[in-house]
């Protein structure tokens, strides 16, 4: 996930994951501007899954569908 500390949507996504967010590859864009521009990030949050960007807040169901990672039962 690409994001920014000052982005309320990014902070809400992080909170949804709780402690599990540590398993998410996260890039803080204001500190890594070049990396984010090269990745085609134009807004926050942006999820990058298998080389495709998905801008905006995503639900667990949508992230599960996009990544192939099943939701816990």
Protein backbone atom coordinates (compact mmCIF):
# COMPACT_ATOMS: atom_id res chain seq x y z
CA UNK A 1 0.00 0.00 0.00
CA UNK A 2 1.21 3.47 -0.86
CA UNK A 3 0.10 6.19 1.48
CA UNK A 4 0.88 9.21 3.60
CA UNK A 5 0.82 9.82 7.33
CA UNK A 6 -1.43 12.86 6.81
CA UNK A 7 -4.00 10.89 4.80
CA UNK A 8 -7.05 10.05 6.92
CA UNK A 9 -8.14 7.32 4.50
CA UNK A 10 -4.70 5.69 4.81
CA UNK A 11 -4.88 5.84 8.60
CA UNK A 12 -8.34 4.24 8.54
CA UNK A 13 -7.06 1.41 6.30
CA UNK A 14 -4.16 0.81 8.70
CA UNK A 15 -6.53 0.71 11.68
CA UNK A 16 -8.76 -1.86 9.96
CA UNK A 17 -5.79 -4.22 9.75
CA UNK A 18 -4.75 -3.64 13.34
CA UNK A 19 -1.54 -5.44 14.26
CA UNK A 20 -1.71 -7.41 11.00
CA UNK A 21 -0.76 -4.26 9.07
CA UNK A 22 2.87 -5.17 9.81
CA UNK A 23 2.51 -7.80 7.06
CA UNK A 24 1.53 -5.22 4.45
CA UNK A 25 4.28 -3.79 2.26
CA UNK A 26 3.80 -0.09 2.95
CA UNK A 27 5.48 2.88 1.30
CA UNK A 28 5.23 6.32 2.89
CA UNK A 29 5.07 8.46 -0.24
CA UNK A 30 6.14 11.88 1.07
CA UNK A 31 9.37 10.21 2.24
CA UNK A 32 9.71 8.11 -0.94
CA UNK A 33 8.41 10.45 -3.61
CA UNK A 34 10.52 8.99 -6.43
CA UNK A 35 9.38 5.41 -5.70
CA UNK A 36 5.73 6.45 -5.61
CA UNK A 37 5.95 8.42 -8.85
CA UNK A 38 7.67 5.49 -10.57
CA UNK A 39 4.87 3.20 -9.34
CA UNK A 40 2.26 5.51 -10.89
CA UNK A 41 0.72 6.51 -7.58
CA UNK A 42 -1.49 9.58 -8.00
CA UNK A 43 -3.43 9.47 -4.73
CA UNK A 44 -3.59 7.80 -1.34
CA UNK A 45 -4.13 5.11 -0.43
CA UNK A 46 -3.14 3.12 -3.48
CA UNK A 47 -2.90 -0.63 -3.30
CA UNK A 48 -0.51 -2.34 -5.71
CA UNK A 49 -1.27 -6.00 -6.30
CA UNK A 50 0.55 -8.05 -8.93
CA UNK A 51 1.68 -4.89 -10.72
CA UNK A 52 -1.75 -3.27 -10.93
CA UNK A 53 -2.69 -0.20 -8.89
CA UNK A 54 -6.03 0.07 -7.11
CA UNK A 55 -6.55 3.62 -5.82
CA UNK A 56 -8.70 4.41 -2.83
CA UNK A 57 -9.83 2.63 0.28
CA UNK A 58 -10.40 -1.09 -0.31
CA UNK A 59 -12.49 -3.52 1.70
CA UNK A 60 -11.06 -6.77 3.03
CA UNK A 61 -13.31 -8.64 0.60
CA UNK A 62 -11.98 -6.67 -2.36
CA UNK A 63 -8.35 -7.09 -1.28
CA UNK A 64 -8.98 -10.82 -0.82
CA UNK A 65 -10.45 -11.05 -4.31
CA UNK A 66 -7.60 -9.07 -5.91
CA UNK A 67 -4.78 -10.85 -4.09
CA UNK A 68 -6.14 -14.38 -3.93
CA UNK A 69 -5.58 -14.36 -0.18
CA UNK A 70 -8.64 -15.92 1.48
CA UNK A 71 -10.41 -14.19 4.33
CA UNK A 72 -10.28 -16.00 7.66
CA UNK A 73 -13.42 -17.95 8.50
